[in-house]
């Protein structure tokens, strides 16, 4: 599982996005372990419920996270522009 998770570092799938998010927060090794754990939980759920992997669920969540990040960056930019105007 860990070697599979390691291959996701450059992958543009939702699991690759998850790997890079954890890597930014905690580091490389914890990202591998956490992503391998997530993959194991996904596989267990797939076997238990006899369903296929639905990649679209992850894409929806990824889009939501990126929208929040964009809004947060816009607010920070407005704040910095206001500080710049106050200094000038």
PDB file of N, CA and C in Angstrom:
ATOM      1  N   UNK A   1       0.827  -1.199   0.000  1.00  0.00           N
ATOM      2  CA  UNK A   1       0.000   0.000   0.000  1.00  0.00           C
ATOM      3  C   UNK A   1       0.868   1.258   0.000  1.00  0.00           C
ATOM      4  N   UNK A   2       1.936   1.233   0.792  1.00  0.00           N
ATOM      5  CA  UNK A   2       2.764   2.435   0.881  1.00  0.00           C
ATOM      6  C   UNK A   2       3.466   2.733  -0.431  1.00  0.00           C
ATOM      7  N   UNK A   3       3.906   1.710  -1.148  1.00  0.00           N
ATOM      8  CA  UNK A   3       4.556   1.969  -2.436  1.00  0.00           C
ATOM      9  C   UNK A   3       3.544   2.510  -3.445  1.00  0.00           C
ATOM     10  N   UNK A   4       2.306   2.061  -3.371  1.00  0.00           N
ATOM     11  CA  UNK A   4       1.258   2.616  -4.238  1.00  0.00           C
ATOM     12  C   UNK A   4       0.971   4.064  -3.874  1.00  0.00           C
ATOM     13  N   UNK A   5       0.939   4.355  -2.580  1.00  0.00           N
ATOM     14  CA  UNK A   5       0.694   5.722  -2.134  1.00  0.00           C
ATOM     15  C   UNK A   5       1.833   6.630  -2.555  1.00  0.00           C
ATOM     16  N   UNK A   6       3.058   6.110  -2.535  1.00  0.00           N
ATOM     17  CA  UNK A   6       4.219   6.901  -2.928  1.00  0.00           C
ATOM     18  C   UNK A   6       4.130   7.309  -4.397  1.00  0.00           C
ATOM     19  N   UNK A   7       3.523   6.476  -5.231  1.00  0.00           N
ATOM     20  CA  UNK A   7       3.412   6.787  -6.654  1.00  0.00           C
ATOM     21  C   UNK A   7       2.390   7.897  -6.930  1.00  0.00           C
ATOM     22  N   UNK A   8       1.613   8.268  -5.931  1.00  0.00           N
ATOM     23  CA  UNK A   8       0.583   9.300  -6.123  1.00  0.00           C
ATOM     24  C   UNK A   8       1.109  10.720  -5.995  1.00  0.00           C
ATOM     25  N   UNK A   9       2.378  10.893  -5.648  1.00  0.00           N
ATOM     26  CA  UNK A   9       2.887  12.238  -5.383  1.00  0.00           C
ATOM     27  C   UNK A   9       2.787  13.170  -6.584  1.00  0.00           C
ATOM     28  N   UNK A  10       2.827  12.649  -7.803  1.00  0.00           N
ATOM     29  CA  UNK A  10       2.712  13.486  -9.005  1.00  0.00           C
ATOM     30  C   UNK A  10       1.416  13.229  -9.768  1.00  0.00           C
ATOM     31  N   UNK A  11       0.569  12.378  -9.227  1.00  0.00           N
ATOM     32  CA  UNK A  11      -0.674  12.009  -9.882  1.00  0.00           C
ATOM     33  C   UNK A  11      -1.694  13.136  -9.748  1.00  0.00           C
ATOM     34  N   UNK A  12      -2.492  13.357 -10.777  1.00  0.00           N
ATOM     35  CA  UNK A  12      -3.474  14.444 -10.749  1.00  0.00           C
ATOM     36  C   UNK A  12      -4.875  13.946 -10.410  1.00  0.00           C
ATOM     37  N   UNK A  13      -4.949  12.859  -9.664  1.00  0.00           N
ATOM     38  CA  UNK A  13      -6.234  12.318  -9.233  1.00  0.00           C
ATOM     39  C   UNK A  13      -6.577  12.888  -7.858  1.00  0.00           C
ATOM     40  N   UNK A  14      -7.796  12.661  -7.374  1.00  0.00           N
ATOM     41  CA  UNK A  14      -8.145  13.117  -6.023  1.00  0.00           C
ATOM     42  C   UNK A  14      -7.236  12.540  -4.940  1.00  0.00           C
ATOM     43  N   UNK A  15      -6.785  11.302  -5.106  1.00  0.00           N
ATOM     44  CA  UNK A  15      -5.871  10.736  -4.124  1.00  0.00           C
ATOM     45  C   UNK A  15      -4.503  11.424  -4.179  1.00  0.00           C
ATOM     46  N   UNK A  16      -4.076  11.810  -5.380  1.00  0.00           N
ATOM     47  CA  UNK A  16      -2.830  12.564  -5.507  1.00  0.00           C
ATOM     48  C   UNK A  16      -2.941  13.931  -4.848  1.00  0.00           C
ATOM     49  N   UNK A  17      -4.100  14.560  -5.018  1.00  0.00           N
ATOM     50  CA  UNK A  17      -4.353  15.845  -4.367  1.00  0.00           C
ATOM     51  C   UNK A  17      -4.319  15.685  -2.852  1.00  0.00           C
ATOM     52  N   UNK A  18      -4.921  14.606  -2.354  1.00  0.00           N
ATOM     53  CA  UNK A  18      -4.924  14.324  -0.922  1.00  0.00           C
ATOM     54  C   UNK A  18      -3.500  14.119  -0.421  1.00  0.00           C
ATOM     55  N   UNK A  19      -2.700  13.357  -1.170  1.00  0.00           N
ATOM     56  CA  UNK A  19      -1.310  13.106  -0.789  1.00  0.00           C
ATOM     57  C   UNK A  19      -0.541  14.418  -0.652  1.00  0.00           C
ATOM     58  N   UNK A  20      -0.663  15.288  -1.645  1.00  0.00           N
ATOM     59  CA  UNK A  20       0.076  16.562  -1.610  1.00  0.00           C
ATOM     60  C   UNK A  20      -0.412  17.474  -0.487  1.00  0.00           C
ATOM     61  N   UNK A  21      -1.700  17.429  -0.175  1.00  0.00           N
ATOM     62  CA  UNK A  21      -2.237  18.231   0.924  1.00  0.00           C
ATOM     63  C   UNK A  21      -1.638  17.775   2.251  1.00  0.00           C
ATOM     64  N   UNK A  22      -1.597  16.474   2.479  1.00  0.00           N
ATOM     65  CA  UNK A  22      -1.024  15.939   3.717  1.00  0.00           C
ATOM     66  C   UNK A  22       0.476  16.191   3.757  1.00  0.00           C
ATOM     67  N   UNK A  23       1.142  16.078   2.607  1.00  0.00           N
ATOM     68  CA  UNK A  23       2.585  16.316   2.553  1.00  0.00           C
ATOM     69  C   UNK A  23       2.902  17.760   2.929  1.00  0.00           C
ATOM     70  N   UNK A  24       2.085  18.699   2.497  1.00  0.00           N
ATOM     71  CA  UNK A  24       2.318  20.103   2.828  1.00  0.00           C
ATOM     72  C   UNK A  24       2.138  20.352   4.323  1.00  0.00           C
ATOM     73  N   UNK A  25       1.207  19.637   4.946  1.00  0.00           N
ATOM     74  CA  UNK A  25       0.939  19.836   6.369  1.00  0.00           C
ATOM     75  C   UNK A  25       1.936  19.111   7.261  1.00  0.00           C
ATOM     76  N   UNK A  26       2.211  17.827   6.942  1.00  0.00           N
ATOM     77  CA  UNK A  26       2.933  16.976   7.889  1.00  0.00           C
ATOM     78  C   UNK A  26       4.287  16.484   7.409  1.00  0.00           C
ATOM     79  N   UNK A  27       4.523  16.477   6.120  1.00  0.00           N
ATOM     80  CA  UNK A  27       5.783  15.976   5.596  1.00  0.00           C
ATOM     81  C   UNK A  27       5.575  14.772   4.697  1.00  0.00           C
ATOM     82  N   UNK A  28       6.675  14.304   4.125  1.00  0.00           N
ATOM     83  CA  UNK A  28       6.617  13.268   3.100  1.00  0.00           C
ATOM     84  C   UNK A  28       6.225  11.896   3.663  1.00  0.00           C
ATOM     85  N   UNK A  29       6.899  11.444   4.696  1.00  0.00           N
ATOM     86  CA  UNK A  29       6.633  10.108   5.246  1.00  0.00           C
ATOM     87  C   UNK A  29       5.216  10.006   5.822  1.00  0.00           C
ATOM     88  N   UNK A  30       4.761  10.978   6.632  1.00  0.00           N
ATOM     89  CA  UNK A  30       3.367  10.897   7.110  1.00  0.00           C
ATOM     90  C   UNK A  30       2.343  10.915   5.972  1.00  0.00           C
ATOM     91  N   UNK A  31       2.671  11.600   4.874  1.00  0.00           N
ATOM     92  CA  UNK A  31       1.755  11.625   3.729  1.00  0.00           C
ATOM     93  C   UNK A  31       1.637  10.241   3.107  1.00  0.00           C
ATOM     94  N   UNK A  32       2.743   9.524   3.012  1.00  0.00           N
ATOM     95  CA  UNK A  32       2.709   8.173   2.461  1.00  0.00           C
ATOM     96  C   UNK A  32       1.861   7.266   3.352  1.00  0.00           C
ATOM     97  N   UNK A  33       2.099   7.320   4.649  1.00  0.00           N
ATOM     98  CA  UNK A  33       1.382   6.449   5.584  1.00  0.00           C
ATOM     99  C   UNK A  33      -0.110   6.778   5.596  1.00  0.00           C
ATOM    100  N   UNK A  34      -0.427   8.055   5.645  1.00  0.00           N
ATOM    101  CA  UNK A  34      -1.826   8.473   5.690  1.00  0.00           C
ATOM    102  C   UNK A  34      -2.563   8.117   4.406  1.00  0.00           C
ATOM    103  N   UNK A  35      -1.917   8.323   3.271  1.00  0.00           N
ATOM    104  CA  UNK A  35      -2.551   8.002   1.995  1.00  0.00           C
ATOM    105  C   UNK A  35      -2.719   6.498   1.837  1.00  0.00           C
ATOM    106  N   UNK A  36      -1.736   5.721   2.275  1.00  0.00           N
ATOM    107  CA  UNK A  36      -1.861   4.258   2.226  1.00  0.00           C
ATOM    108  C   UNK A  36      -3.027   3.797   3.102  1.00  0.00           C
ATOM    109  N   UNK A  37      -3.174   4.421   4.256  1.00  0.00           N
ATOM    110  CA  UNK A  37      -4.293   4.096   5.147  1.00  0.00           C
ATOM    111  C   UNK A  37      -5.619   4.417   4.466  1.00  0.00           C
ATOM    112  N   UNK A  38      -5.692   5.564   3.815  1.00  0.00           N
ATOM    113  CA  UNK A  38      -6.920   5.960   3.126  1.00  0.00           C
ATOM    114  C   UNK A  38      -7.232   4.990   1.985  1.00  0.00           C
ATOM    115  N   UNK A  39      -6.199   4.590   1.248  1.00  0.00           N
ATOM    116  CA  UNK A  39      -6.406   3.630   0.162  1.00  0.00           C
ATOM    117  C   UNK A  39      -6.910   2.296   0.706  1.00  0.00           C
ATOM    118  N   UNK A  40      -6.371   1.875   1.832  1.00  0.00           N
ATOM    119  CA  UNK A  40      -6.821   0.635   2.456  1.00  0.00           C
ATOM    120  C   UNK A  40      -8.274   0.703   2.883  1.00  0.00           C
ATOM    121  N   UNK A  41      -8.661   1.847   3.448  1.00  0.00           N
ATOM    122  CA  UNK A  41     -10.056   2.020   3.864  1.00  0.00           C
ATOM    123  C   UNK A  41     -10.982   2.038   2.658  1.00  0.00           C
ATOM    124  N   UNK A  42     -10.534   2.661   1.557  1.00  0.00           N
ATOM    125  CA  UNK A  42     -11.344   2.691   0.335  1.00  0.00           C
ATOM    126  C   UNK A  42     -11.514   1.279  -0.208  1.00  0.00           C
ATOM    127  N   UNK A  43     -10.416   0.521  -0.248  1.00  0.00           N
ATOM    128  CA  UNK A  43     -10.495  -0.853  -0.763  1.00  0.00           C
ATOM    129  C   UNK A  43     -11.380  -1.725   0.116  1.00  0.00           C
ATOM    130  N   UNK A  44     -11.266  -1.575   1.417  1.00  0.00           N
ATOM    131  CA  UNK A  44     -12.104  -2.354   2.331  1.00  0.00           C
ATOM    132  C   UNK A  44     -13.583  -2.056   2.085  1.00  0.00           C
ATOM    133  N   UNK A  45     -13.912  -0.786   1.925  1.00  0.00           N
ATOM    134  CA  UNK A  45     -15.298  -0.392   1.682  1.00  0.00           C
ATOM    135  C   UNK A  45     -15.791  -0.938   0.348  1.00  0.00           C
ATOM    136  N   UNK A  46     -14.911  -0.907  -0.662  1.00  0.00           N
ATOM    137  CA  UNK A  46     -15.295  -1.431  -1.971  1.00  0.00           C
ATOM    138  C   UNK A  46     -15.595  -2.924  -1.900  1.00  0.00           C
ATOM    139  N   UNK A  47     -14.755  -3.678  -1.199  1.00  0.00           N
ATOM    140  CA  UNK A  47     -14.952  -5.123  -1.084  1.00  0.00           C
ATOM    141  C   UNK A  47     -16.193  -5.428  -0.250  1.00  0.00           C
ATOM    142  N   UNK A  48     -16.346  -4.696   0.854  1.00  0.00           N
ATOM    143  CA  UNK A  48     -17.464  -4.949   1.753  1.00  0.00           C
ATOM    144  C   UNK A  48     -18.803  -4.656   1.086  1.00  0.00           C
ATOM    145  N   UNK A  49     -18.887  -3.538   0.379  1.00  0.00           N
ATOM    146  CA  UNK A  49     -20.158  -3.159  -0.243  1.00  0.00           C
ATOM    147  C   UNK A  49     -20.281  -3.629  -1.692  1.00  0.00           C
ATOM    148  N   UNK A  50     -19.235  -4.265  -2.216  1.00  0.00           N
ATOM    149  CA  UNK A  50     -19.212  -4.780  -3.585  1.00  0.00           C
ATOM    150  C   UNK A  50     -19.536  -3.697  -4.607  1.00  0.00           C
ATOM    151  N   UNK A  51     -18.829  -2.582  -4.490  1.00  0.00           N
ATOM    152  CA  UNK A  51     -19.007  -1.475  -5.425  1.00  0.00           C
ATOM    153  C   UNK A  51     -17.674  -1.127  -6.071  1.00  0.00           C
ATOM    154  N   UNK A  52     -17.755  -0.365  -7.150  1.00  0.00           N
ATOM    155  CA  UNK A  52     -16.554   0.108  -7.827  1.00  0.00           C
ATOM    156  C   UNK A  52     -16.141   1.455  -7.245  1.00  0.00           C
ATOM    157  N   UNK A  53     -14.881   1.815  -7.483  1.00  0.00           N
ATOM    158  CA  UNK A  53     -14.356   3.091  -7.002  1.00  0.00           C
ATOM    159  C   UNK A  53     -14.983   4.225  -7.794  1.00  0.00           C
ATOM    160  N   UNK A  54     -15.512   5.218  -7.103  1.00  0.00           N
ATOM    161  CA  UNK A  54     -16.139   6.375  -7.739  1.00  0.00           C
ATOM    162  C   UNK A  54     -15.212   7.578  -7.592  1.00  0.00           C
ATOM    163  N   UNK A  55     -14.465   7.868  -8.645  1.00  0.00           N
ATOM    164  CA  UNK A  55     -13.493   8.953  -8.597  1.00  0.00           C
ATOM    165  C   UNK A  55     -14.164  10.329  -8.601  1.00  0.00           C
ATOM    166  N   UNK A  56     -15.394  10.410  -9.066  1.00  0.00           N
ATOM    167  CA  UNK A  56     -16.100  11.689  -9.127  1.00  0.00           C
ATOM    168  C   UNK A  56     -16.350  12.284  -7.744  1.00  0.00           C
ATOM    169  N   UNK A  57     -16.520  11.440  -6.730  1.00  0.00           N
ATOM    170  CA  UNK A  57     -16.730  11.956  -5.363  1.00  0.00           C
ATOM    171  C   UNK A  57     -15.536  12.778  -4.918  1.00  0.00           C
ATOM    172  N   UNK A  58     -14.353  12.305  -5.194  1.00  0.00           N
ATOM    173  CA  UNK A  58     -13.144  13.018  -4.810  1.00  0.00           C
ATOM    174  C   UNK A  58     -12.968  14.309  -5.586  1.00  0.00           C
ATOM    175  N   UNK A  59     -13.365  14.306  -6.849  1.00  0.00           N
ATOM    176  CA  UNK A  59     -13.232  15.516  -7.674  1.00  0.00           C
ATOM    177  C   UNK A  59     -14.137  16.631  -7.165  1.00  0.00           C
ATOM    178  N   UNK A  60     -15.346  16.272  -6.720  1.00  0.00           N
ATOM    179  CA  UNK A  60     -16.260  17.282  -6.184  1.00  0.00           C
ATOM    180  C   UNK A  60     -15.675  17.916  -4.932  1.00  0.00           C
ATOM    181  N   UNK A  61     -15.129  17.096  -4.065  1.00  0.00           N
ATOM    182  CA  UNK A  61     -14.536  17.600  -2.837  1.00  0.00           C
ATOM    183  C   UNK A  61     -13.313  18.458  -3.140  1.00  0.00           C
ATOM    184  N   UNK A  62     -12.518  18.039  -4.125  1.00  0.00           N
ATOM    185  CA  UNK A  62     -11.327  18.789  -4.510  1.00  0.00           C
ATOM    186  C   UNK A  62     -11.723  20.168  -5.034  1.00  0.00           C
ATOM    187  N   UNK A  63     -12.768  20.249  -5.835  1.00  0.00           N
ATOM    188  CA  UNK A  63     -13.223  21.528  -6.367  1.00  0.00           C
ATOM    189  C   UNK A  63     -13.697  22.442  -5.238  1.00  0.00           C
ATOM    190  N   UNK A  64     -14.390  21.874  -4.266  1.00  0.00           N
ATOM    191  CA  UNK A  64     -14.865  22.660  -3.127  1.00  0.00           C
ATOM    192  C   UNK A  64     -13.693  23.222  -2.323  1.00  0.00           C
ATOM    193  N   UNK A  65     -12.677  22.413  -2.099  1.00  0.00           N
ATOM    194  CA  UNK A  65     -11.502  22.860  -1.350  1.00  0.00           C
ATOM    195  C   UNK A  65     -10.786  23.967  -2.098  1.00  0.00           C
ATOM    196  N   UNK A  66     -10.657  23.835  -3.412  1.00  0.00           N
ATOM    197  CA  UNK A  66      -9.974  24.860  -4.199  1.00  0.00           C
ATOM    198  C   UNK A  66     -10.756  26.172  -4.211  1.00  0.00           C
ATOM    199  N   UNK A  67     -12.088  26.097  -4.223  1.00  0.00           N
ATOM    200  CA  UNK A  67     -12.899  27.315  -4.172  1.00  0.00           C
ATOM    201  C   UNK A  67     -12.709  28.038  -2.848  1.00  0.00           C
ATOM    202  N   UNK A  68     -12.670  27.289  -1.755  1.00  0.00           N
ATOM    203  CA  UNK A  68     -12.443  27.895  -0.440  1.00  0.00           C
ATOM    204  C   UNK A  68     -11.064  28.533  -0.366  1.00  0.00           C
ATOM    205  N   UNK A  69     -10.083  27.855  -0.932  1.00  0.00           N
ATOM    206  CA  UNK A  69      -8.718  28.372  -0.931  1.00  0.00           C
ATOM    207  C   UNK A  69      -8.633  29.660  -1.744  1.00  0.00           C
ATOM    208  N   UNK A  70      -9.315  29.705  -2.883  1.00  0.00           N
ATOM    209  CA  UNK A  70      -9.339  30.904  -3.720  1.00  0.00           C
ATOM    210  C   UNK A  70      -9.980  32.070  -2.977  1.00  0.00           C
ATOM    211  N   UNK A  71     -11.088  31.827  -2.300  1.00  0.00           N
ATOM    212  CA  UNK A  71     -11.761  32.880  -1.538  1.00  0.00           C
ATOM    213  C   UNK A  71     -10.887  33.380  -0.396  1.00  0.00           C
ATOM    214  N   UNK A  72     -10.221  32.461   0.293  1.00  0.00           N
ATOM    215  CA  UNK A  72      -9.318  32.843   1.381  1.00  0.00           C
ATOM    216  C   UNK A  72      -8.167  33.701   0.860  1.00  0.00           C
ATOM    217  N   UNK A  73      -7.627  33.354  -0.310  1.00  0.00           N
ATOM    218  CA  UNK A  73      -6.547  34.137  -0.900  1.00  0.00           C
ATOM    219  C   UNK A  73      -7.018  35.520  -1.341  1.00  0.00           C
ATOM    220  N   UNK A  74      -8.248  35.604  -1.836  1.00  0.00           N
ATOM    221  CA  UNK A  74      -8.795  36.912  -2.224  1.00  0.00           C
ATOM    222  C   UNK A  74      -8.940  37.830  -1.012  1.00  0.00           C
ATOM    223  N   UNK A  75      -9.439  37.277   0.091  1.00  0.00           N
ATOM    224  CA  UNK A  75      -9.574  38.078   1.309  1.00  0.00           C
ATOM    225  C   UNK A  75      -8.221  38.541   1.803  1.00  0.00           C
ATOM    226  N   UNK A  76      -7.226  37.658   1.759  1.00  0.00           N
ATOM    227  CA  UNK A  76      -5.878  38.024   2.198  1.00  0.00           C
ATOM    228  C   UNK A  76      -5.293  39.096   1.293  1.00  0.00           C
ATOM    229  N   UNK A  77      -5.547  39.013  -0.013  1.00  0.00           N
ATOM    230  CA  UNK A  77      -5.036  40.013  -0.942  1.00  0.00           C
ATOM    231  C   UNK A  77      -5.675  41.379  -0.670  1.00  0.00           C
ATOM    232  N   UNK A  78      -6.982  41.415  -0.409  1.00  0.00           N
ATOM    233  CA  UNK A  78      -7.651  42.671  -0.090  1.00  0.00           C
ATOM    234  C   UNK A  78      -7.072  43.284   1.180  1.00  0.00           C
ATOM    235  N   UNK A  79      -6.804  42.437   2.155  1.00  0.00           N
ATOM    236  CA  UNK A  79      -6.225  42.900   3.418  1.00  0.00           C
ATOM    237  C   UNK A  79      -4.837  43.502   3.191  1.00  0.00           C
ATOM    238  N   UNK A  80      -4.023  42.840   2.385  1.00  0.00           N
ATOM    239  CA  UNK A  80      -2.690  43.350   2.099  1.00  0.00           C
ATOM    240  C   UNK A  80      -2.727  44.635   1.296  1.00  0.00           C
ATOM    241  N   UNK A  81      -3.660  44.734   0.349  1.00  0.00           N
ATOM    242  CA  UNK A  81      -3.791  45.980  -0.422  1.00  0.00           C
ATOM    243  C   UNK A  81      -4.212  47.137   0.461  1.00  0.00           C
ATOM    244  N   UNK A  82      -5.079  46.867   1.420  1.00  0.00           N
ATOM    245  CA  UNK A  82      -5.497  47.907   2.352  1.00  0.00           C
ATOM    246  C   UNK A  82      -4.306  48.366   3.200  1.00  0.00           C
ATOM    247  N   UNK A  83      -3.491  47.423   3.670  1.00  0.00           N
ATOM    248  CA  UNK A  83      -2.298  47.783   4.443  1.00  0.00           C
ATOM    249  C   UNK A  83      -1.327  48.590   3.609  1.00  0.00           C
ATOM    250  N   UNK A  84      -1.194  48.247   2.339  1.00  0.00           N
ATOM    251  CA  UNK A  84      -0.295  48.967   1.448  1.00  0.00           C
ATOM    252  C   UNK A  84      -0.771  50.401   1.234  1.00  0.00           C
ATOM    253  N   UNK A  85      -2.078  50.596   1.087  1.00  0.00           N
ATOM    254  CA  UNK A  85      -2.631  51.937   0.907  1.00  0.00           C
ATOM    255  C   UNK A  85      -2.472  52.769   2.172  1.00  0.00           C
ATOM    256  N   UNK A  86      -2.599  52.138   3.322  1.00  0.00           N
ATOM    257  CA  UNK A  86      -2.450  52.851   4.591  1.00  0.00           C
ATOM    258  C   UNK A  86      -1.003  53.318   4.808  1.00  0.00           C
ATOM    259  N   UNK A  87      -0.043  52.553   4.305  1.00  0.00           N
ATOM    260  CA  UNK A  87       1.376  52.916   4.451  1.00  0.00           C
ATOM    261  C   UNK A  87       1.780  54.027   3.498  1.00  0.00           C
ATOM    262  N   UNK A  88       1.123  54.108   2.375  1.00  0.00           N
ATOM    263  CA  UNK A  88       1.519  55.088   1.344  1.00  0.00           C
ATOM    264  C   UNK A  88       0.930  56.446   1.594  1.00  0.00           C
TER     265      UNK A  88
END
